Protein backbone atom coordinates (compact mmCIF):
# COMPACT_ATOMS: atom_id res chain seq x y z
CA MET A 1 -85.53 -42.47 -24.13
CA ALA A 2 -83.48 -41.38 -27.15
CA LEU A 3 -83.82 -39.92 -30.63
CA PHE A 4 -83.93 -42.51 -33.42
CA SER A 5 -84.42 -42.69 -37.16
CA LEU A 6 -85.04 -46.06 -38.76
CA GLY A 7 -86.10 -46.95 -42.24
CA ILE A 8 -85.57 -48.46 -45.62
CA ASN A 9 -84.46 -46.80 -48.87
CA HIS A 10 -83.38 -47.35 -52.46
CA ARG A 11 -79.88 -48.35 -51.35
CA THR A 12 -80.92 -50.97 -48.82
CA ALA A 13 -83.93 -52.57 -50.48
CA PRO A 14 -85.40 -53.25 -53.92
CA LEU A 15 -88.68 -51.71 -55.02
CA SER A 16 -90.52 -54.98 -54.34
CA VAL A 17 -89.68 -54.59 -50.63
CA ARG A 18 -90.06 -50.80 -50.39
CA GLU A 19 -93.58 -50.85 -51.75
CA GLN A 20 -94.67 -53.19 -48.94
CA VAL A 21 -93.84 -50.62 -46.24
CA ALA A 22 -94.88 -47.44 -48.05
CA PHE A 23 -97.45 -45.12 -46.44
CA HIS A 24 -99.83 -42.93 -48.40
CA PRO A 25 -100.79 -39.54 -46.92
CA GLU A 26 -104.32 -40.52 -45.96
CA GLU A 27 -103.12 -43.36 -43.71
CA VAL A 28 -100.22 -41.65 -41.91
CA ASN A 29 -102.42 -40.16 -39.17
CA ARG A 30 -103.91 -43.54 -38.35
CA ALA A 31 -100.50 -45.22 -38.45
CA LEU A 32 -98.98 -42.68 -36.03
CA SER A 33 -101.83 -43.21 -33.58
CA ASP A 34 -101.41 -46.97 -33.80
CA LEU A 35 -97.65 -46.63 -33.28
CA ALA A 36 -98.16 -44.56 -30.14
CA ASP A 37 -100.56 -47.20 -28.77
CA SER A 38 -98.34 -50.17 -29.65
CA ALA A 39 -94.84 -49.09 -28.59
CA ARG A 40 -93.20 -46.74 -26.08
CA VAL A 41 -92.93 -43.89 -28.55
CA PHE A 42 -93.18 -40.33 -27.23
CA GLU A 43 -92.82 -38.46 -30.52
CA ALA A 44 -92.93 -39.77 -34.09
CA ALA A 45 -93.07 -38.73 -37.75
CA ILE A 46 -93.31 -40.91 -40.85
CA LEU A 47 -91.54 -39.93 -44.07
CA SER A 48 -92.67 -42.06 -47.02
CA THR A 49 -91.62 -41.40 -50.63
CA CYS A 50 -90.94 -43.44 -53.77
CA ASN A 51 -87.42 -44.14 -52.54
CA ARG A 52 -87.75 -44.40 -48.77
CA THR A 53 -89.94 -45.03 -45.75
CA GLU A 54 -88.48 -43.68 -42.51
CA ILE A 55 -89.72 -43.17 -38.97
CA TYR A 56 -88.19 -40.43 -36.84
CA CYS A 57 -89.01 -40.84 -33.16
CA GLN A 58 -88.25 -40.30 -29.51
CA ALA A 59 -88.51 -43.80 -28.07
CA ASP A 60 -87.09 -46.28 -25.59
CA SER A 61 -86.11 -48.81 -28.24
CA PRO A 62 -85.97 -48.74 -32.06
CA HIS A 63 -86.59 -52.49 -32.11
CA GLN A 64 -90.10 -51.93 -30.74
CA VAL A 65 -90.77 -49.51 -33.60
CA LEU A 66 -89.47 -51.98 -36.18
CA GLU A 67 -91.61 -54.71 -34.64
CA TRP A 68 -94.63 -52.42 -34.90
CA LEU A 69 -93.90 -51.59 -38.55
CA ALA A 70 -93.53 -55.27 -39.50
CA ALA A 71 -96.77 -56.14 -37.71
CA TYR A 72 -98.63 -53.13 -39.13
CA ARG A 73 -97.63 -54.11 -42.67
CA ARG A 74 -98.06 -57.84 -41.95
CA LEU A 75 -94.46 -58.65 -42.80
CA PRO A 76 -92.37 -61.36 -41.11
CA LEU A 77 -89.89 -59.42 -38.96
CA ALA A 78 -87.03 -61.81 -39.77
CA GLU A 79 -87.49 -61.19 -43.50
CA ALA A 80 -87.86 -57.40 -43.26
CA GLN A 81 -85.14 -56.62 -40.71
CA PRO A 82 -82.09 -57.09 -43.00
CA TYR A 83 -83.31 -54.27 -45.24
CA PHE A 84 -83.67 -51.71 -42.44
CA TYR A 85 -81.15 -49.29 -40.97
CA THR A 86 -81.28 -47.60 -37.57
CA HIS A 87 -79.59 -44.36 -36.49
CA ARG A 88 -79.44 -43.14 -32.89
CA GLY A 89 -78.72 -39.75 -31.37
CA LYS A 90 -76.02 -37.91 -33.30
CA ASP A 91 -76.25 -40.30 -36.26
CA ALA A 92 -80.04 -39.82 -36.43
CA VAL A 93 -79.61 -36.04 -36.53
CA ARG A 94 -76.95 -36.27 -39.23
CA HIS A 95 -79.15 -38.60 -41.27
CA ALA A 96 -82.12 -36.21 -41.11
CA PHE A 97 -79.94 -33.31 -42.24
CA ARG A 98 -78.47 -35.35 -45.13
CA VAL A 99 -81.92 -36.47 -46.27
CA ALA A 100 -83.28 -32.91 -46.24
CA SER A 101 -80.25 -31.67 -48.18
CA GLY A 102 -80.68 -34.27 -50.92
CA LEU A 103 -77.41 -36.05 -50.09
CA ASP A 104 -79.18 -39.36 -49.46
CA SER A 105 -81.45 -39.22 -52.51
CA MET A 106 -81.36 -41.36 -55.64
CA VAL A 107 -80.93 -38.09 -57.53
CA LEU A 108 -78.14 -36.34 -55.64
CA GLY A 109 -79.27 -32.87 -54.59
CA GLU A 110 -82.90 -33.23 -55.75
CA PRO A 111 -85.19 -30.66 -54.06
CA GLN A 112 -88.47 -32.63 -53.85
CA ILE A 113 -87.45 -34.43 -50.65
CA LEU A 114 -87.54 -31.15 -48.71
CA GLY A 115 -91.24 -30.69 -49.48
CA GLN A 116 -91.88 -34.31 -48.55
CA MET A 117 -90.19 -33.82 -45.18
CA LYS A 118 -92.30 -30.72 -44.54
CA GLU A 119 -95.36 -32.82 -45.33
CA ALA A 120 -94.21 -35.49 -42.87
CA MET A 121 -93.83 -32.84 -40.18
CA ARG A 122 -97.30 -31.49 -40.89
CA PHE A 123 -98.87 -34.94 -40.69
CA ALA A 124 -97.11 -35.60 -37.37
CA ARG A 125 -98.36 -32.29 -35.97
CA GLU A 126 -101.94 -33.03 -37.07
CA ALA A 127 -101.73 -36.47 -35.44
CA GLY A 128 -100.49 -34.96 -32.17
CA ALA A 129 -97.22 -36.89 -32.50
CA LEU A 130 -94.88 -33.94 -33.02
CA GLY A 131 -93.17 -32.87 -29.81
CA THR A 132 -90.50 -30.29 -29.07
CA THR A 133 -87.55 -32.47 -30.08
CA LEU A 134 -88.85 -33.58 -33.49
CA HIS A 135 -90.17 -30.10 -34.24
CA LYS A 136 -86.69 -28.70 -33.60
CA LEU A 137 -85.09 -31.51 -35.62
CA PHE A 138 -87.24 -30.86 -38.68
CA GLN A 139 -86.92 -27.09 -38.48
CA ASN A 140 -83.15 -27.40 -38.25
CA SER A 141 -83.19 -29.86 -41.16
CA PHE A 142 -84.96 -27.31 -43.34
CA ALA A 143 -82.49 -24.59 -42.35
CA VAL A 144 -79.51 -26.86 -43.08
CA ALA A 145 -80.96 -27.80 -46.47
CA LYS A 146 -81.39 -24.14 -47.35
CA ASP A 147 -77.82 -23.41 -46.31
CA VAL A 148 -76.47 -26.34 -48.35
CA ARG A 149 -78.39 -25.34 -51.48
CA SER A 150 -77.47 -21.67 -51.26
CA THR A 151 -73.75 -22.11 -50.53
CA THR A 152 -72.79 -25.21 -52.54
CA ALA A 153 -73.30 -26.51 -56.09
CA ILE A 154 -75.24 -29.56 -54.91
CA GLY A 155 -78.35 -28.53 -56.82
CA THR A 156 -76.74 -27.81 -60.19
CA ASN A 157 -77.13 -29.96 -63.33
CA ILE A 158 -79.82 -32.13 -61.76
CA VAL A 159 -81.52 -34.65 -64.02
CA SER A 160 -84.87 -35.23 -62.34
CA MET A 161 -87.01 -38.34 -62.54
CA ALA A 162 -89.31 -36.44 -64.87
CA ALA A 163 -86.48 -35.44 -67.19
CA ALA A 164 -85.12 -38.98 -67.08
CA ALA A 165 -88.51 -40.31 -68.21
CA VAL A 166 -88.37 -38.01 -71.25
CA ARG A 167 -84.84 -39.16 -72.09
CA LEU A 168 -85.89 -42.80 -71.94
CA ALA A 169 -88.91 -42.12 -74.14
CA GLU A 170 -86.60 -40.51 -76.70
CA ARG A 171 -84.70 -43.80 -76.92
CA ILE A 172 -87.91 -45.60 -77.94
CA PHE A 173 -89.49 -42.96 -80.17
CA GLU A 174 -87.57 -40.83 -82.60
CA ARG A 175 -89.81 -37.82 -81.98
CA ILE A 176 -92.06 -37.39 -78.95
CA SER A 177 -93.89 -34.69 -80.91
CA GLU A 178 -95.54 -37.49 -82.89
CA GLN A 179 -96.72 -39.46 -79.86
CA ARG A 180 -99.83 -39.45 -77.68
CA VAL A 181 -99.12 -39.20 -73.93
CA LEU A 182 -101.31 -40.36 -71.04
CA PHE A 183 -100.67 -39.27 -67.46
CA ILE A 184 -102.39 -41.28 -64.74
CA GLY A 185 -102.76 -39.32 -61.49
CA ALA A 186 -102.59 -35.60 -60.75
CA GLY A 187 -100.03 -35.30 -57.96
CA GLU A 188 -96.71 -33.46 -57.80
CA MET A 189 -94.72 -36.10 -59.69
CA ILE A 190 -97.23 -36.24 -62.55
CA ASP A 191 -97.21 -32.44 -62.63
CA LEU A 192 -93.42 -32.47 -63.05
CA CYS A 193 -93.55 -35.15 -65.74
CA ALA A 194 -96.30 -33.35 -67.62
CA THR A 195 -94.19 -30.18 -67.63
CA HIS A 196 -91.20 -31.99 -69.15
CA PHE A 197 -93.20 -33.95 -71.74
CA ALA A 198 -95.29 -30.91 -72.71
CA ALA A 199 -92.07 -29.09 -73.58
CA GLN A 200 -91.59 -31.69 -76.36
CA LYS A 201 -95.01 -30.74 -77.81
CA PRO A 202 -96.52 -34.24 -78.14
CA LYS A 203 -99.44 -34.84 -80.49
CA GLN A 204 -101.86 -35.27 -77.58
CA ILE A 205 -101.81 -35.11 -73.76
CA VAL A 206 -104.53 -36.71 -71.63
CA VAL A 207 -104.77 -36.82 -67.83
CA ALA A 208 -106.65 -39.71 -66.19
CA ASN A 209 -107.55 -39.24 -62.54
CA ARG A 210 -109.99 -40.64 -60.04
CA THR A 211 -111.24 -37.11 -59.29
CA ILE A 212 -112.11 -35.58 -62.65
CA ASP A 213 -112.00 -31.97 -61.40
CA ARG A 214 -108.44 -32.31 -60.16
CA GLY A 215 -107.43 -34.03 -63.38
CA ARG A 216 -109.03 -31.26 -65.41
CA ALA A 217 -107.23 -28.58 -63.39
CA LEU A 218 -103.89 -30.16 -64.31
CA ALA A 219 -104.90 -30.80 -67.93
CA ASP A 220 -105.96 -27.18 -68.45
CA ARG A 221 -102.43 -26.00 -67.73
CA PHE A 222 -101.09 -27.98 -70.68
CA GLU A 223 -104.01 -27.52 -73.09
CA ALA A 224 -104.79 -31.19 -72.52
CA THR A 225 -107.97 -33.14 -71.81
CA ALA A 226 -109.00 -35.08 -68.72
CA ILE A 227 -110.75 -38.44 -68.39
CA ARG A 228 -111.99 -40.50 -65.48
CA LEU A 229 -109.81 -43.31 -64.24
CA GLU A 230 -112.60 -45.83 -64.89
CA ASP A 231 -112.41 -44.97 -68.63
CA LEU A 232 -108.82 -46.21 -68.80
CA GLY A 233 -109.74 -49.65 -70.14
CA GLU A 234 -111.41 -48.20 -73.22
CA ARG A 235 -108.78 -45.54 -73.93
CA LEU A 236 -105.41 -47.15 -73.08
CA ALA A 237 -104.73 -48.40 -76.63
CA GLU A 238 -104.73 -44.82 -77.94
CA PHE A 239 -101.52 -43.86 -76.16
CA ASP A 240 -97.87 -44.43 -77.04
CA ILE A 241 -96.50 -43.10 -73.74
CA VAL A 242 -98.08 -43.80 -70.35
CA VAL A 243 -96.77 -42.27 -67.11
CA SER A 244 -98.47 -43.32 -63.89
CA CYS A 245 -98.13 -42.20 -60.28
CA THR A 246 -101.17 -42.60 -58.04
CA ALA A 247 -101.79 -43.34 -54.39
CA SER A 248 -103.49 -46.65 -55.13
CA GLN A 249 -102.56 -49.53 -52.82
CA LEU A 250 -103.11 -52.03 -55.65
CA PRO A 251 -102.09 -52.00 -59.34
CA ILE A 252 -104.56 -50.15 -61.56
CA ILE A 253 -103.12 -51.42 -64.85
CA GLY A 254 -103.09 -55.18 -65.13
CA LEU A 255 -101.50 -57.56 -67.60
CA GLY A 256 -104.79 -58.35 -69.34
CA LEU A 257 -105.61 -54.69 -69.88
CA VAL A 258 -102.25 -54.01 -71.53
CA GLU A 259 -102.43 -57.16 -73.65
CA ARG A 260 -105.75 -56.01 -75.09
CA ALA A 261 -104.33 -52.54 -75.71
CA ILE A 262 -101.29 -53.96 -77.55
CA ARG A 263 -103.51 -56.10 -79.79
CA ALA A 264 -105.65 -53.05 -80.59
CA ARG A 265 -102.48 -51.12 -81.43
CA ARG A 266 -101.39 -53.91 -83.81
CA HIS A 267 -98.30 -54.37 -81.63
CA ARG A 268 -96.97 -50.85 -82.02
CA PRO A 269 -94.64 -50.27 -79.05
CA MET A 270 -95.87 -48.70 -75.84
CA PHE A 271 -93.56 -46.87 -73.43
CA MET A 272 -94.71 -46.99 -69.79
CA VAL A 273 -93.24 -45.38 -66.68
CA ASP A 274 -94.50 -46.42 -63.26
CA LEU A 275 -93.39 -43.90 -60.63
CA ALA A 276 -95.77 -45.12 -57.93
CA VAL A 277 -94.81 -46.96 -54.74
CA PRO A 278 -96.58 -49.38 -54.40
CA ARG A 279 -96.58 -49.90 -58.17
CA ASP A 280 -99.52 -48.92 -60.37
CA ILE A 281 -98.62 -51.33 -63.19
CA GLU A 282 -98.37 -55.08 -62.69
CA VAL A 283 -94.80 -56.38 -62.91
CA GLU A 284 -95.75 -58.95 -65.58
CA VAL A 285 -96.54 -56.13 -68.03
CA GLY A 286 -92.81 -55.54 -68.46
CA GLU A 287 -92.44 -59.04 -69.92
CA LEU A 288 -94.57 -58.21 -72.97
CA ASP A 289 -92.54 -57.90 -76.18
CA ASP A 290 -94.07 -54.60 -77.29
CA VAL A 291 -94.01 -52.84 -73.91
CA PHE A 292 -91.07 -50.90 -72.47
CA LEU A 293 -91.86 -50.61 -68.75
CA TYR A 294 -89.66 -48.62 -66.35
CA THR A 295 -89.96 -48.10 -62.58
CA VAL A 296 -88.34 -45.53 -60.29
CA ASP A 297 -85.38 -47.85 -59.78
CA ASP A 298 -84.93 -48.28 -63.54
CA LEU A 299 -84.42 -44.53 -63.92
CA ALA A 300 -81.32 -44.58 -61.68
CA GLN A 301 -78.81 -44.94 -64.50
CA VAL A 302 -80.28 -42.00 -66.40
CA VAL A 303 -80.22 -39.65 -63.42
CA GLU A 304 -76.52 -40.37 -62.89
CA SER A 305 -75.67 -37.91 -65.69
CA GLY A 306 -74.40 -34.65 -64.27
CA LEU A 307 -73.40 -36.39 -61.04
CA GLU A 308 -69.70 -35.54 -61.32
CA SER A 309 -70.29 -31.78 -61.21
CA ARG A 310 -72.37 -32.17 -58.05
CA GLN A 311 -70.15 -34.72 -56.34
CA SER A 312 -67.47 -32.13 -55.53
CA ALA A 313 -70.10 -30.13 -53.64
CA VAL A 314 -70.80 -33.06 -51.31
CA VAL A 315 -67.66 -32.38 -49.26
CA ASP A 316 -68.77 -28.80 -48.60
CA ALA A 317 -72.32 -29.92 -47.84
CA GLU A 318 -71.10 -32.56 -45.37
CA ALA A 319 -69.04 -29.93 -43.53
CA ILE A 320 -72.08 -27.69 -43.16
CA ILE A 321 -74.15 -30.61 -41.92
CA GLU A 322 -71.53 -31.72 -39.40
CA ALA A 323 -71.35 -28.26 -37.85
CA GLN A 324 -75.13 -28.06 -37.55
CA VAL A 325 -75.30 -31.57 -36.05
CA GLU A 326 -73.08 -30.39 -33.19
CA ASN A 327 -75.29 -27.34 -32.67
CA PHE A 328 -78.39 -29.50 -32.48
CA LEU A 329 -76.76 -31.93 -30.05
CA GLY A 330 -75.85 -28.97 -27.82
CA TRP A 331 -79.51 -27.92 -27.80
CA LEU A 332 -80.57 -31.52 -27.13
CA GLN A 333 -78.23 -31.82 -24.15
CA THR A 334 -79.62 -28.59 -22.75
CA ARG A 335 -83.13 -30.03 -23.09
CA GLU A 336 -82.05 -33.09 -21.09
CA THR A 337 -81.07 -30.90 -18.11
CA VAL A 338 -84.44 -29.13 -17.99
CA PRO A 339 -86.13 -31.72 -15.70
CA VAL A 340 -83.19 -31.54 -13.27
CA ILE A 341 -83.26 -27.75 -13.22
CA ARG A 342 -87.01 -27.80 -12.67
CA SER A 343 -86.67 -30.28 -9.79
CA LEU A 344 -83.90 -28.19 -8.21
CA ARG A 345 -85.99 -25.04 -8.40
CA ASP A 346 -89.06 -26.83 -7.04
CA ALA A 347 -87.07 -28.15 -4.07
CA ALA A 348 -85.63 -24.69 -3.36
CA GLU A 349 -89.10 -23.14 -3.61
CA ARG A 350 -90.50 -25.64 -1.09
CA MET A 351 -87.69 -24.79 1.34
CA ARG A 352 -88.29 -21.07 0.87
CA ARG A 353 -92.03 -21.31 1.47
CA HIS A 354 -91.58 -23.53 4.54
CA GLU A 355 -89.10 -21.16 6.15
CA LEU A 356 -91.14 -18.10 5.20
CA ASP A 357 -94.24 -19.57 6.84
CA HIS A 358 -92.16 -20.32 9.95
CA ALA A 359 -90.84 -16.75 10.06
CA LEU A 360 -94.31 -15.23 9.58
CA LYS A 361 -95.63 -17.26 12.53
CA LEU A 362 -92.81 -15.96 14.73
CA LEU A 363 -93.56 -12.39 13.70
CA ALA A 364 -97.25 -12.95 14.41
CA ARG A 365 -96.32 -13.99 17.98
CA GLY A 366 -94.47 -10.71 18.44
CA GLU A 367 -90.90 -11.94 18.04
CA ASN A 368 -88.24 -9.35 17.27
CA ALA A 369 -88.21 -8.80 13.47
CA GLU A 370 -84.41 -8.52 13.27
CA ASN A 371 -83.97 -11.84 15.12
CA VAL A 372 -86.58 -13.51 12.91
CA LEU A 373 -84.81 -12.36 9.74
CA GLU A 374 -81.45 -13.49 11.10
CA GLN A 375 -82.92 -16.88 11.95
CA LEU A 376 -84.62 -17.11 8.53
CA SER A 377 -81.36 -16.48 6.68
CA HIS A 378 -79.47 -19.06 8.76
CA ARG A 379 -82.15 -21.74 8.34
CA LEU A 380 -82.36 -21.19 4.57
CA THR A 381 -78.57 -21.28 4.19
CA ASN A 382 -78.32 -24.51 6.17
CA LYS A 383 -81.09 -26.18 4.19
CA PHE A 384 -79.71 -25.13 0.82
CA LEU A 385 -76.20 -26.32 1.68
CA HIS A 386 -77.15 -29.49 3.52
CA ALA A 387 -77.27 -31.79 0.44
CA PRO A 388 -73.98 -30.66 -1.21
CA THR A 389 -72.17 -30.60 2.16
CA GLN A 390 -73.38 -34.10 2.98
CA ALA A 391 -72.35 -35.34 -0.48
CA LEU A 392 -68.82 -33.95 0.00
CA SER A 393 -68.50 -35.41 3.49
CA GLN A 394 -69.77 -38.89 2.60
CA SER A 395 -68.16 -39.23 -0.83
CA ASP A 396 -66.35 -42.56 -1.24
CA GLY A 397 -63.00 -42.87 -2.99
CA ASP A 398 -61.61 -39.96 -4.97
CA ARG A 399 -63.45 -36.75 -4.01
CA SER A 400 -61.56 -34.57 -6.51
CA GLU A 401 -64.22 -34.73 -9.24
CA LEU A 402 -67.05 -33.86 -6.85
CA GLN A 403 -64.98 -31.09 -5.25
CA ALA A 404 -64.23 -29.64 -8.68
CA MET A 405 -67.93 -29.71 -9.59
CA VAL A 406 -68.92 -27.94 -6.31
CA THR A 407 -66.20 -25.35 -6.87
CA ARG A 408 -67.58 -24.71 -10.34
CA LEU A 409 -71.25 -24.64 -9.27
CA PHE A 410 -70.69 -22.19 -6.40
CA HIS A 411 -67.95 -20.12 -8.09
CA LEU A 412 -65.33 -20.90 -5.42
CA HIS A 413 -61.59 -20.32 -5.52
CA PRO A 414 -59.42 -23.46 -5.37
CA ASP A 415 -58.49 -22.55 -1.79
CA GLY A 416 -62.19 -22.63 -0.81
CA ARG A 417 -62.82 -18.88 -0.75
CA SER A 418 -65.81 -17.43 -2.61
CA ALA A 419 -65.03 -16.10 -6.09
CA ASP A 420 -67.05 -13.02 -5.23
């Protein structure tokens, strides 16, 4: 059994592949239970964001986990496997620390991933899949991320996805203040986008959400209005800018819906940003002449601005991570000796109880107490030393390594005398 992390991200796979293996929060619990039933996995956590889906686990084989994921998502394993990476042991720990610190993100140093990792840990705990090792791994990841952000410049001059969406919109429309903006969804990403767009004081802001109360709660913060998601078909043509990020498994804005909206708008351009994985807006919508459709991958070039000032901080961040990786591995190695220590103590306890029972029986028969104690000490000493003495006597080949280990374990001098 070993510690693994395996997954897929924006560097290894296009959006069309990533969206096929994405997990939404409401299905993570079920997926973790199914994983535990289908493969020899002892601990597991699933991290799924717009840019990555990763499984952190204690397992016998990462291939079994990959096989499970392909089967669970009904993907041919041969087609999916080239897009996946696998990290084991030290590399898995380093990867987790880099992810938490924002070093593996599309937007270098972005802070949202830390909250997403905390969510992954919470889901794993609720599913009963979070054991001691993964709990320690995640907690250390959070501590490393905090250290990196507080001691390096990795988080400075960040252009977030939300800010990038505003910059792209400004390329299409001369003034956002003259446009009507529709946000579809009410999650964290929509919240961030609404904050950035609201700062440009658009003519109108509307939030469409499946749950009207949650949509209204977000809308109230920006003096906006809320509508139900089912009203989208009637209202879409009103908006110049549409930003969508929901947890829907299927697209909620189809080609036909947008075509009707464009005709109603008399072919005035519409700017659309789809931040959802899987996508909320059908791919074919981007082929329409009057629609400018962008996905999370399309925003990559915009978020590159400001990268140079953060790149120099990567070296310092990597040094912090490397030191903490070694600390975690030291803890992990200590954990691996626990079963051996427990077995050794159990064996010694059985010997002690056996000899104590023998001594008590002798005392009960009236034997001399001093002789019984002397006999007890000799019998215990012989039993405790029998196994190491036998190992030294029967050792084949070079005994120097075993002798050195016994000398160290029993604090002996090189000449065989006790160190005490």
